[in-house]
Amino acid sequence: MATITFDAGIRVPMADGVELATDVMRPAGPSAGPAILMRTAYDRTTPASRALQVDAVALAQAGYAVVLQDVRGRFESAGEFVPFVNEGADGSATLEWIRDQSWCNGSVAMAGISYNAFCQLAAAVSDSGCLQAMAPGLGPFDIRTSWLRVGGVDNLALNLSWLVGSLLPTDPRTPDPELLLRAWDNPRATARAGLANPALDDTPAAAWIKEWMQPVPYAGNAGVPDKEMLGDLRIPALVVAGWYDVFAAGSLDLAASLSNAALVAGPWDHSGLPLGRRAGDRDHGHTAAVSLGHLQRAWYDLHLRGWGDQPPPARVFVTGANRWVDYPDWPPGCHRVTLLPAPGGLLVATEAPADTIEVDVRDDDPTPAAGGQVYPWEPVLRSGAFDQSARRARSDVCSFVGEPLSRSRRFVGKAAATLSVEAEPGAHLFVTVVDVHPDGSAWNVAEGVARTASDGLTEVDLGYLGHQFGPGHAIGVDISGAAWPRFPLVTGLRRIRLGASFVSLPEVPK
């Protein structure tokens, strides 16, 4: 076992003189080797940072220098933290600093999940040529459309819970951290108050929220990369995505947009590492559990040392079948299957009779969220797969189901719905694709939200799925006007014309 050395509390200067707290774990001795950088907003000194986001000890013993850094204004780093805006410039400056150290041979990669995955993307866009590989996991694509908003709808619960549970209680500018923690402990009341919650008063969040509420947040700010900037990246990227992760669509869109990416998509959510076999109430079997550290190590060995073989472009865990399948492209080639909601709660493959149904949203008992791709906020928001039967039985949810299947059918790729709707401007529609089992239980496999369009036809991006419906199972679709408190509450009626509405699913060969 190689001897390693640990240098803690190094102060790395940024372009404006602000110094960021940085630790380096590396092989002992004078030899230079490749380096891995992980920049974090969540304290570089924790076991989650040193062992789960990146396995620093194992990588150092394998000959890598592992650099762990608190981002600007977080924990022991100087300066003021502003979400998203400084990670490009500060990441690029840190990469240059690493390249110039005697223990680095010039080969540098990055690691990290969630916000720390965004740090990689921002640094990659700003990089001057230092970065040779990255491994963004369970993270966004363009934060404007896969973090702050989804389908044009404010991502209320994620943004609120991130503020009151993760950022502000540990920000030195927060006058009363206990007030924030009490807000975290009371998600229903906190969500009702929204981003105008008094608990956020006198905190730095006021300026952040003002920016988030702009028609296009961070418009023209090159430090907060958009999808066009990210699509131009050529740096080899290992993208790790979870079907039930709050950033599922963002991660999978990222993999689809990059020209030099390898995707690993499994049945994981955003409840924390390691990448396990359970998400919500479903156990996907022991093969679903994957070592993030092993994935990263193989990727860095390949791109920093030239060791090993290139992984498949897309390695996907197909739920329902509960097995891994490799595809030569992401998303894979598919046959689009069109299903139409029909009167009587049916889902049919032929022309549906014209009819109108109503979806109502009431303030006193709003349609709840039930699992799915959420940022966990107990007890009201739990991520993962759950039986939707109780939600489907509500009068404010319109449920449709097809005939039981005579054979198994596999769907991998992007799903979508087009709904012909009459509603007040700004109304929301939430659509869930479910697997209806022979015992009557119904498990969520894809979902999306959208604001109703002014022309009557509303396109709902249902993100991606990788699921196999077994024989005797049926495909179901649920339509509601809310998923509370995941998204803001917009009360009132939505009238949906069934004859002009449909759902499109990507079927692939088994």
Protein backbone atom coordinates (compact mmCIF):
# COMPACT_ATOMS: atom_id res chain seq x y z
CA MET A 1 0.00 0.00 0.00
CA ALA A 2 1.48 3.33 -1.07
CA THR A 3 2.31 5.93 1.56
CA ILE A 4 0.33 9.13 1.22
CA THR A 5 0.76 12.65 2.52
CA PHE A 6 -1.96 15.10 3.52
CA ASP A 7 -1.55 18.86 3.27
CA ALA A 8 -4.50 20.64 4.93
CA GLY A 9 -5.61 24.24 4.92
CA ILE A 10 -3.68 25.46 1.89
CA ARG A 11 -4.87 28.91 0.78
CA VAL A 12 -5.18 29.04 -3.00
CA PRO A 13 -5.42 32.60 -4.38
CA MET A 14 -8.04 33.51 -6.98
CA ALA A 15 -7.71 36.24 -9.62
CA ASP A 16 -9.16 38.89 -7.28
CA GLY A 17 -6.94 37.88 -4.34
CA VAL A 18 -9.60 35.90 -2.46
CA GLU A 19 -8.09 32.73 -1.00
CA LEU A 20 -9.91 29.40 -1.00
CA ALA A 21 -9.32 26.70 1.63
CA THR A 22 -7.86 23.62 -0.03
CA ASP A 23 -6.59 20.21 1.08
CA VAL A 24 -4.31 17.94 -0.94
CA MET A 25 -4.00 14.19 -0.41
CA ARG A 26 -1.29 12.66 -2.60
CA PRO A 27 1.39 9.98 -2.82
CA ALA A 28 4.38 10.70 -0.62
CA GLY A 29 7.64 11.60 -2.33
CA PRO A 30 8.83 13.94 -5.05
CA SER A 31 7.27 12.20 -8.06
CA ALA A 32 4.64 14.05 -10.09
CA GLY A 33 1.38 12.38 -11.15
CA PRO A 34 -2.13 13.17 -12.33
CA ALA A 35 -4.51 15.15 -10.12
CA ILE A 36 -8.26 15.10 -9.35
CA LEU A 37 -10.07 18.25 -8.17
CA MET A 38 -13.34 18.25 -6.25
CA ARG A 39 -14.77 21.68 -5.39
CA THR A 40 -17.63 21.66 -2.91
CA ALA A 41 -20.20 23.94 -1.32
CA TYR A 42 -20.75 21.42 1.49
CA ASP A 43 -17.48 21.32 3.50
CA ARG A 44 -14.41 19.65 2.05
CA THR A 45 -13.47 18.08 5.42
CA THR A 46 -16.48 15.75 5.81
CA PRO A 47 -16.46 12.00 5.11
CA ALA A 48 -19.04 12.66 2.37
CA SER A 49 -16.52 14.88 0.57
CA ARG A 50 -13.41 12.82 1.21
CA ALA A 51 -14.80 9.32 0.80
CA LEU A 52 -18.15 9.36 -1.03
CA GLN A 53 -18.07 12.17 -3.60
CA VAL A 54 -14.52 11.09 -4.36
CA ASP A 55 -12.54 8.31 -2.67
CA ALA A 56 -9.53 10.45 -1.84
CA VAL A 57 -7.53 7.84 0.05
CA ALA A 58 -7.93 5.13 -2.59
CA LEU A 59 -7.05 7.53 -5.41
CA ALA A 60 -4.01 8.86 -3.55
CA GLN A 61 -2.81 5.31 -2.92
CA ALA A 62 -3.26 4.66 -6.64
CA GLY A 63 -0.93 7.52 -7.54
CA TYR A 64 -3.32 10.49 -7.89
CA ALA A 65 -3.14 13.81 -6.10
CA VAL A 66 -6.65 14.57 -4.81
CA VAL A 67 -7.46 18.24 -4.28
CA LEU A 68 -10.49 19.13 -2.13
CA GLN A 69 -11.61 22.76 -2.01
CA ASP A 70 -14.39 24.75 -0.34
CA VAL A 71 -15.92 27.08 -2.93
CA ARG A 72 -15.80 30.82 -2.38
CA GLY A 73 -17.56 31.95 0.81
CA ARG A 74 -18.31 28.44 2.09
CA PHE A 75 -16.87 27.02 5.31
CA GLU A 76 -13.15 27.94 5.51
CA SER A 77 -12.86 29.74 2.16
CA ALA A 78 -12.80 33.54 2.07
CA GLY A 79 -15.08 35.77 -0.01
CA GLU A 80 -18.86 35.82 -0.36
CA PHE A 81 -20.80 32.87 -1.66
CA VAL A 82 -23.25 33.56 -4.47
CA PRO A 83 -24.80 30.43 -5.96
CA PHE A 84 -23.47 29.49 -9.40
CA VAL A 85 -21.75 32.75 -10.42
CA ASN A 86 -18.11 32.27 -9.31
CA GLU A 87 -17.57 28.58 -9.98
CA GLY A 88 -16.34 29.02 -13.54
CA ALA A 89 -13.59 31.57 -12.85
CA ASP A 90 -12.60 30.09 -9.48
CA GLY A 91 -12.57 26.55 -10.87
CA SER A 92 -10.41 27.58 -13.80
CA ALA A 93 -7.96 29.42 -11.51
CA THR A 94 -7.71 26.36 -9.25
CA LEU A 95 -7.05 24.08 -12.21
CA GLU A 96 -4.18 26.35 -13.28
CA TRP A 97 -2.81 26.34 -9.73
CA ILE A 98 -2.88 22.53 -9.65
CA ARG A 99 -1.17 22.24 -13.03
CA ASP A 100 1.72 24.39 -11.75
CA GLN A 101 2.40 22.33 -8.61
CA SER A 102 5.48 20.12 -8.47
CA TRP A 103 3.38 17.06 -7.57
CA CYS A 104 1.21 17.39 -10.71
CA ASN A 105 2.39 16.10 -14.08
CA GLY A 106 -0.04 18.40 -15.92
CA SER A 107 -2.92 15.91 -16.18
CA VAL A 108 -5.98 17.10 -14.24
CA ALA A 109 -9.58 15.87 -13.94
CA MET A 110 -12.57 16.84 -11.76
CA ALA A 111 -15.15 15.00 -9.65
CA GLY A 112 -18.32 15.69 -7.67
CA ILE A 113 -22.11 15.33 -7.64
CA SER A 114 -25.06 17.74 -7.41
CA TYR A 115 -23.86 21.37 -6.98
CA ASN A 116 -20.33 20.01 -7.18
CA ALA A 117 -21.19 18.56 -10.58
CA PHE A 118 -22.22 22.05 -11.67
CA CYS A 119 -18.82 23.27 -10.44
CA GLN A 120 -17.21 20.92 -12.96
CA LEU A 121 -19.31 22.14 -15.86
CA ALA A 122 -18.72 25.81 -15.06
CA ALA A 123 -14.97 25.23 -14.73
CA ALA A 124 -14.89 23.25 -17.98
CA VAL A 125 -16.50 26.11 -19.91
CA SER A 126 -14.03 28.63 -18.40
CA ASP A 127 -10.99 26.33 -18.57
CA SER A 128 -7.87 27.51 -20.38
CA GLY A 129 -6.84 23.99 -21.37
CA CYS A 130 -5.95 22.34 -18.05
CA LEU A 131 -8.93 20.00 -17.66
CA GLN A 132 -8.59 16.63 -19.37
CA ALA A 133 -11.57 14.72 -17.95
CA MET A 134 -14.55 15.18 -15.65
CA ALA A 135 -17.21 13.09 -13.95
CA PRO A 136 -20.36 15.11 -13.21
CA GLY A 137 -22.86 13.00 -11.29
CA LEU A 138 -26.52 13.54 -10.33
CA GLY A 139 -26.32 17.15 -11.45
CA PRO A 140 -27.97 19.70 -13.73
CA PHE A 141 -27.47 20.68 -17.34
CA ASP A 142 -28.43 24.35 -17.79
CA ILE A 143 -29.38 25.40 -14.23
CA ARG A 144 -32.03 27.77 -15.64
CA THR A 145 -34.09 24.88 -17.01
CA SER A 146 -33.02 21.87 -14.95
CA TRP A 147 -32.59 23.41 -11.50
CA LEU A 148 -34.23 26.79 -10.86
CA ARG A 149 -37.14 25.90 -13.14
CA VAL A 150 -38.45 22.75 -14.77
CA GLY A 151 -40.83 22.89 -17.72
CA GLY A 152 -41.09 26.63 -17.20
CA VAL A 153 -42.35 26.11 -13.62
CA ASP A 154 -40.46 27.36 -10.57
CA ASN A 155 -38.76 24.41 -8.85
CA LEU A 156 -40.18 25.56 -5.53
CA ALA A 157 -39.37 22.71 -3.14
CA LEU A 158 -35.85 22.18 -4.42
CA ASN A 159 -34.95 25.85 -4.26
CA LEU A 160 -36.55 26.39 -0.84
CA SER A 161 -35.20 23.26 0.80
CA TRP A 162 -31.73 23.90 -0.62
CA LEU A 163 -31.78 27.39 0.88
CA VAL A 164 -33.19 26.59 4.31
CA GLY A 165 -31.64 23.15 4.74
CA SER A 166 -28.22 23.32 3.08
CA LEU A 167 -26.95 26.81 2.32
CA LEU A 168 -28.17 29.50 4.69
CA PRO A 169 -27.77 27.76 8.09
CA THR A 170 -24.03 27.44 7.41
CA ASP A 171 -23.60 30.90 5.84
CA PRO A 172 -21.80 33.33 8.21
CA ARG A 173 -24.08 36.17 7.04
CA THR A 174 -27.22 34.43 8.32
CA PRO A 175 -28.33 36.18 11.54
CA ASP A 176 -30.44 33.32 12.93
CA PRO A 177 -29.56 29.84 11.62
CA GLU A 178 -32.06 28.25 14.02
CA LEU A 179 -34.88 30.08 12.26
CA LEU A 180 -33.84 28.42 9.00
CA LEU A 181 -33.62 24.99 10.59
CA ARG A 182 -37.12 25.40 12.02
CA ALA A 183 -38.32 26.26 8.52
CA TRP A 184 -36.65 23.09 7.24
CA ASP A 185 -38.47 21.07 9.90
CA ASN A 186 -41.86 22.44 8.76
CA PRO A 187 -41.94 21.92 4.98
CA ARG A 188 -45.69 22.47 4.48
CA ALA A 189 -45.72 25.91 6.10
CA THR A 190 -42.39 26.82 4.51
CA ALA A 191 -43.65 25.86 1.05
CA ARG A 192 -46.87 27.83 1.61
CA ALA A 193 -44.83 30.96 2.31
CA GLY A 194 -42.65 30.23 -0.72
CA LEU A 195 -39.55 32.22 -1.53
CA ALA A 196 -41.08 35.16 0.36
CA ASN A 197 -40.77 33.20 3.61
CA PRO A 198 -39.90 35.53 6.52
CA ALA A 199 -37.20 33.07 7.54
CA LEU A 200 -35.26 34.26 4.49
CA ASP A 201 -35.40 37.91 5.53
CA ASP A 202 -32.06 39.49 6.43
CA THR A 203 -30.17 36.64 4.77
CA PRO A 204 -28.11 36.83 1.57
CA ALA A 205 -30.83 34.82 -0.18
CA ALA A 206 -32.85 37.96 -0.94
CA ALA A 207 -30.52 38.96 -3.77
CA TRP A 208 -30.24 35.38 -5.04
CA ILE A 209 -34.01 34.95 -5.21
CA LYS A 210 -34.40 38.25 -7.06
CA GLU A 211 -32.12 36.88 -9.76
CA TRP A 212 -33.88 33.51 -9.83
CA MET A 213 -37.21 35.24 -10.45
CA GLN A 214 -35.96 37.01 -13.58
CA PRO A 215 -37.52 35.85 -16.90
CA VAL A 216 -34.12 34.31 -17.72
CA PRO A 217 -31.94 33.97 -14.61
CA TYR A 218 -28.31 35.00 -15.09
CA ALA A 219 -29.03 36.17 -18.63
CA GLY A 220 -25.79 36.99 -20.44
CA ASN A 221 -23.64 35.76 -17.55
CA ALA A 222 -20.98 33.58 -19.21
CA GLY A 223 -19.92 32.32 -15.78
CA VAL A 224 -23.23 30.46 -15.50
CA PRO A 225 -23.09 28.30 -18.63
CA ASP A 226 -26.19 27.64 -20.70
CA LYS A 227 -26.94 24.59 -22.82
CA GLU A 228 -25.24 26.06 -25.91
CA MET A 229 -21.96 26.64 -24.05
CA LEU A 230 -22.09 23.20 -22.46
CA GLY A 231 -22.90 21.54 -25.78
CA ASP A 232 -19.63 22.86 -27.18
CA LEU A 233 -17.51 21.02 -24.60
CA ARG A 234 -15.18 18.32 -25.94
CA ILE A 235 -13.71 17.25 -22.58
CA PRO A 236 -14.34 13.54 -21.88
CA ALA A 237 -17.20 13.37 -19.38
CA LEU A 238 -18.47 10.44 -17.34
CA VAL A 239 -22.10 11.40 -16.66
CA VAL A 240 -23.77 9.52 -13.80
CA ALA A 241 -27.57 9.87 -13.73
CA GLY A 242 -30.37 8.54 -11.53
CA TRP A 243 -33.87 7.76 -12.83
CA TYR A 244 -35.37 9.18 -9.63
CA ASP A 245 -32.89 11.98 -9.11
CA VAL A 246 -34.14 15.57 -8.94
CA PHE A 247 -31.65 16.33 -11.74
CA ALA A 248 -32.48 13.23 -13.81
CA ALA A 249 -33.57 15.12 -16.93
CA GLY A 250 -30.63 17.52 -16.65
CA SER A 251 -28.04 14.75 -16.33
CA LEU A 252 -29.53 12.79 -19.22
CA ASP A 253 -29.82 15.90 -21.41
CA LEU A 254 -26.17 16.65 -20.61
CA ALA A 255 -25.11 13.19 -21.76
CA ALA A 256 -27.14 13.62 -24.94
CA SER A 257 -25.58 17.01 -25.69
CA LEU A 258 -21.90 16.27 -25.08
CA SER A 259 -19.88 14.88 -27.96
CA ASN A 260 -17.45 12.96 -25.74
CA ALA A 261 -19.52 11.48 -22.94
CA ALA A 262 -20.17 8.09 -21.40
CA LEU A 263 -23.43 7.70 -19.50
CA VAL A 264 -24.19 5.44 -16.54
CA ALA A 265 -27.88 5.71 -15.59
CA GLY A 266 -29.26 3.72 -12.67
CA PRO A 267 -32.30 3.60 -10.36
CA TRP A 268 -30.91 6.19 -7.95
CA ASP A 269 -32.32 9.32 -6.36
CA HIS A 270 -30.88 12.38 -4.58
CA SER A 271 -30.99 11.00 -1.04
CA GLY A 272 -27.22 10.67 -0.90
CA LEU A 273 -24.37 8.32 -1.64
CA PRO A 274 -23.53 5.47 -2.07
CA LEU A 275 -25.43 4.57 -5.22
CA GLY A 276 -27.65 1.85 -3.83
CA ARG A 277 -30.30 -0.68 -4.84
CA ARG A 278 -33.36 1.06 -3.37
CA ALA A 279 -35.20 4.23 -4.38
CA GLY A 280 -38.44 4.93 -2.58
CA ASP A 281 -40.36 1.72 -1.95
CA ARG A 282 -38.71 -0.33 -4.72
CA ASP A 283 -35.74 -2.63 -4.32
CA HIS A 284 -34.10 -3.06 -7.73
CA GLY A 285 -31.78 -5.88 -6.69
CA HIS A 286 -28.14 -6.10 -5.77
CA THR A 287 -26.88 -5.40 -9.30
CA ALA A 288 -28.35 -1.87 -9.10
CA ALA A 289 -25.77 -0.89 -6.46
CA VAL A 290 -22.69 0.63 -8.06
CA SER A 291 -19.43 2.01 -6.65
CA LEU A 292 -19.08 5.63 -7.75
CA GLY A 293 -15.42 5.43 -6.76
CA HIS A 294 -14.79 2.51 -9.10
CA LEU A 295 -16.54 4.28 -11.98
CA GLN A 296 -14.46 7.41 -11.43
CA ARG A 297 -11.18 5.51 -11.05
CA ALA A 298 -11.66 3.65 -14.35
CA TRP A 299 -12.51 6.93 -16.12
CA TYR A 300 -9.46 8.75 -14.75
CA ASP A 301 -7.17 5.81 -15.49
CA LEU A 302 -8.38 5.85 -19.10
CA HIS A 303 -8.15 9.58 -19.76
CA LEU A 304 -5.23 10.61 -17.54
CA ARG A 305 -3.07 7.50 -17.88
CA GLY A 306 -4.26 5.71 -21.01
CA TRP A 307 -5.12 2.56 -19.07
CA GLY A 308 -8.15 0.35 -19.70
CA ASP A 309 -10.89 0.30 -22.29
CA GLN A 310 -13.45 2.90 -23.33
CA PRO A 311 -16.82 2.14 -21.69
CA PRO A 312 -20.01 1.92 -23.76
CA PRO A 313 -21.56 5.29 -24.69
CA ALA A 314 -24.58 4.47 -22.53
CA ARG A 315 -24.90 1.86 -19.78
CA VAL A 316 -28.50 1.88 -18.58
CA PHE A 317 -30.21 0.01 -15.76
CA VAL A 318 -33.65 -0.91 -17.11
CA THR A 319 -36.13 -0.95 -14.24
CA GLY A 320 -38.84 -3.56 -14.43
CA ALA A 321 -36.35 -5.93 -16.04
CA ASN A 322 -33.81 -4.94 -13.34
CA ARG A 323 -30.80 -5.44 -15.55
CA TRP A 324 -28.03 -3.39 -17.13
CA VAL A 325 -28.14 -2.83 -20.89
CA ASP A 326 -25.50 -1.14 -23.07
CA TYR A 327 -26.45 1.13 -25.96
CA PRO A 328 -24.22 2.56 -28.72
CA ASP A 329 -25.92 5.95 -28.56
CA TRP A 330 -27.73 8.16 -26.07
CA PRO A 331 -30.61 8.34 -26.38
CA PRO A 332 -30.84 5.06 -28.28
CA GLY A 333 -32.73 4.71 -31.53
CA CYS A 334 -36.37 3.96 -30.83
CA HIS A 335 -39.84 3.51 -32.24
CA ARG A 336 -42.19 6.23 -31.03
CA VAL A 337 -45.37 4.78 -29.54
CA THR A 338 -48.35 7.13 -29.37
CA LEU A 339 -51.03 6.51 -26.73
CA LEU A 340 -54.21 8.53 -26.37
CA PRO A 341 -56.18 9.19 -23.18
CA ALA A 342 -59.77 8.24 -23.89
CA PRO A 343 -63.13 8.58 -22.12
CA GLY A 344 -63.68 6.09 -19.34
CA GLY A 345 -60.08 6.26 -18.14
CA LEU A 346 -58.69 4.21 -21.04
CA LEU A 347 -55.36 4.62 -22.77
CA VAL A 348 -55.69 3.56 -26.39
CA ALA A 349 -53.48 3.24 -29.47
CA THR A 350 -56.17 4.27 -31.97
CA GLU A 351 -58.07 7.52 -32.37
CA ALA A 352 -59.78 8.47 -29.11
CA PRO A 353 -63.34 9.80 -29.12
CA ALA A 354 -63.58 13.52 -28.50
CA ASP A 355 -64.46 14.29 -24.92
CA THR A 356 -63.51 16.79 -22.24
CA ILE A 357 -62.36 16.06 -18.71
CA GLU A 358 -61.71 18.50 -15.91
CA VAL A 359 -58.78 18.68 -13.51
CA ASP A 360 -59.43 20.85 -10.47
CA VAL A 361 -56.87 22.18 -7.99
CA ARG A 362 -58.16 23.32 -4.61
CA ASP A 363 -56.28 25.39 -2.10
CA ASP A 364 -57.61 23.48 0.92
CA ASP A 365 -56.52 20.04 -0.33
CA PRO A 366 -54.04 20.41 -3.23
CA THR A 367 -53.04 17.41 -5.28
CA PRO A 368 -49.95 15.98 -3.55
CA ALA A 369 -46.68 14.85 -5.02
CA ALA A 370 -45.99 11.14 -4.51
CA GLY A 371 -42.33 10.26 -4.87
CA GLY A 372 -40.58 10.73 -8.18
CA GLN A 373 -37.67 12.97 -9.08
CA VAL A 374 -37.72 15.20 -6.02
CA TYR A 375 -35.18 16.64 -3.64
CA PRO A 376 -36.03 14.74 -0.43
CA TRP A 377 -37.79 16.89 2.17
CA GLU A 378 -39.33 14.64 4.78
CA PRO A 379 -42.07 13.93 5.51
CA VAL A 380 -43.90 15.45 2.52
CA LEU A 381 -41.42 14.81 -0.30
CA ARG A 382 -39.79 11.42 -0.65
CA SER A 383 -37.86 10.55 -3.79
CA GLY A 384 -38.08 7.35 -5.76
CA ALA A 385 -40.70 4.85 -6.88
CA PHE A 386 -43.95 4.60 -4.92
CA ASP A 387 -47.34 3.02 -5.44
CA GLN A 388 -49.49 5.80 -6.93
CA SER A 389 -52.83 4.06 -6.24
CA ALA A 390 -54.02 6.43 -3.52
CA ARG A 391 -53.09 9.48 -5.58
CA ARG A 392 -54.76 8.03 -8.69
CA ALA A 393 -58.00 7.54 -6.76
CA ARG A 394 -58.30 11.25 -5.98
CA SER A 395 -60.96 13.24 -7.80
CA ASP A 396 -58.37 15.85 -8.83
CA VAL A 397 -56.24 13.28 -10.71
CA CYS A 398 -57.36 11.96 -14.09
CA SER A 399 -55.99 8.46 -14.55
CA PHE A 400 -55.83 6.40 -17.74
CA VAL A 401 -54.71 2.82 -18.28
CA GLY A 402 -54.21 0.61 -21.30
CA GLU A 403 -55.03 -3.03 -21.77
CA PRO A 404 -52.78 -5.57 -19.98
CA LEU A 405 -49.78 -6.37 -22.17
CA SER A 406 -49.48 -9.79 -23.77
CA ARG A 407 -45.68 -9.46 -23.86
CA SER A 408 -43.02 -7.38 -22.18
CA ARG A 409 -42.21 -4.02 -23.77
CA ARG A 410 -39.14 -1.90 -23.12
CA PHE A 411 -38.98 1.90 -23.30
CA VAL A 412 -35.66 3.76 -23.12
CA GLY A 413 -35.26 7.42 -23.99
CA LYS A 414 -37.24 10.63 -23.98
CA ALA A 415 -40.98 10.71 -23.32
CA ALA A 416 -43.44 13.54 -23.92
CA ALA A 417 -47.10 14.46 -23.76
CA THR A 418 -49.19 16.89 -25.79
CA LEU A 419 -52.38 18.01 -24.07
CA SER A 420 -55.15 20.16 -25.51
CA VAL A 421 -56.10 22.35 -22.58
CA GLU A 422 -58.36 25.24 -21.66
CA ALA A 423 -57.16 26.95 -18.49
CA GLU A 424 -56.37 30.28 -16.91
CA PRO A 425 -52.98 31.66 -18.00
CA GLY A 426 -50.11 30.24 -16.00
CA ALA A 427 -51.90 27.09 -14.88
CA HIS A 428 -49.76 23.99 -14.34
CA LEU A 429 -50.11 20.44 -15.61
CA PHE A 430 -48.28 17.51 -14.04
CA VAL A 431 -48.13 14.21 -15.93
CA THR A 432 -46.89 10.85 -14.63
CA VAL A 433 -46.34 7.61 -16.56
CA VAL A 434 -46.98 4.59 -14.35
CA ASP A 435 -46.53 0.83 -14.55
CA VAL A 436 -49.83 -0.72 -13.46
CA HIS A 437 -49.13 -4.17 -12.01
CA PRO A 438 -51.55 -7.10 -12.13
CA ASP A 439 -52.27 -6.57 -8.41
CA GLY A 440 -53.51 -3.04 -9.15
CA SER A 441 -50.53 -1.17 -7.76
CA ALA A 442 -49.17 1.58 -10.03
CA TRP A 443 -45.52 2.66 -9.90
CA ASN A 444 -44.15 5.90 -11.32
CA VAL A 445 -41.57 5.59 -14.11
CA ALA A 446 -41.54 9.03 -15.81
CA GLU A 447 -42.93 12.50 -15.12
CA GLY A 448 -43.02 16.13 -16.19
CA VAL A 449 -44.60 19.50 -15.53
CA ALA A 450 -45.49 22.43 -17.78
CA ARG A 451 -47.33 25.72 -17.81
CA THR A 452 -50.42 25.69 -20.00
CA ALA A 453 -49.85 27.30 -23.38
CA SER A 454 -51.92 30.17 -24.69
CA ASP A 455 -52.74 28.38 -27.97
CA GLY A 456 -54.43 25.48 -26.20
CA LEU A 457 -51.78 22.84 -26.95
CA THR A 458 -49.43 22.28 -24.03
CA GLU A 459 -46.25 20.28 -24.52
CA VAL A 460 -45.13 18.43 -21.40
CA ASP A 461 -41.55 17.15 -21.42
CA LEU A 462 -41.65 13.88 -19.46
CA GLY A 463 -37.88 13.57 -19.30
CA TYR A 464 -36.41 10.12 -19.81
CA LEU A 465 -37.30 6.61 -18.76
CA GLY A 466 -35.57 3.28 -18.89
CA HIS A 467 -38.27 0.79 -17.98
CA GLN A 468 -39.66 -2.56 -19.07
CA PHE A 469 -43.38 -3.28 -18.63
CA GLY A 470 -43.87 -6.99 -18.05
CA PRO A 471 -46.58 -9.33 -19.41
CA GLY A 472 -49.87 -8.69 -17.66
CA HIS A 473 -48.76 -5.17 -16.71
CA ALA A 474 -50.35 -2.07 -18.24
CA ILE A 475 -49.13 1.39 -19.18
CA GLY A 476 -50.88 4.15 -17.27
CA VAL A 477 -50.89 7.94 -17.41
CA ASP A 478 -51.97 10.32 -14.64
CA ILE A 479 -52.76 14.00 -15.24
CA SER A 480 -53.13 16.54 -12.45
CA GLY A 481 -52.93 20.28 -12.01
CA ALA A 482 -50.52 20.13 -9.08
CA ALA A 483 -47.80 18.12 -7.36
CA TRP A 484 -47.76 19.92 -4.03
CA PRO A 485 -45.49 21.09 -2.45
CA ARG A 486 -42.99 20.21 -5.13
CA PHE A 487 -44.19 23.01 -7.41
CA PRO A 488 -46.05 26.26 -6.67
CA LEU A 489 -49.78 25.96 -6.24
CA VAL A 490 -51.98 27.38 -9.00
CA THR A 491 -55.63 26.71 -8.20
CA GLY A 492 -58.54 26.41 -10.62
CA LEU A 493 -59.87 24.22 -13.41
CA ARG A 494 -58.08 22.79 -16.42
CA ARG A 495 -60.29 21.38 -19.19
CA ILE A 496 -58.49 18.76 -21.25
CA ARG A 497 -59.79 17.71 -24.69
CA LEU A 498 -59.01 14.03 -24.99
CA GLY A 499 -59.45 13.73 -28.74
CA ALA A 500 -56.48 16.02 -29.34
CA SER A 501 -54.21 14.84 -26.49
CA PHE A 502 -51.59 12.09 -26.55
CA VAL A 503 -48.48 10.64 -24.89
CA SER A 504 -45.37 9.59 -26.84
CA LEU A 505 -43.05 6.87 -25.48
CA PRO A 506 -39.71 5.58 -26.90
CA GLU A 507 -39.90 1.80 -27.43
CA VAL A 508 -36.65 -0.11 -28.04
CA PRO A 509 -36.01 -3.80 -28.83
CA LYS A 510 -35.35 -6.08 -25.89
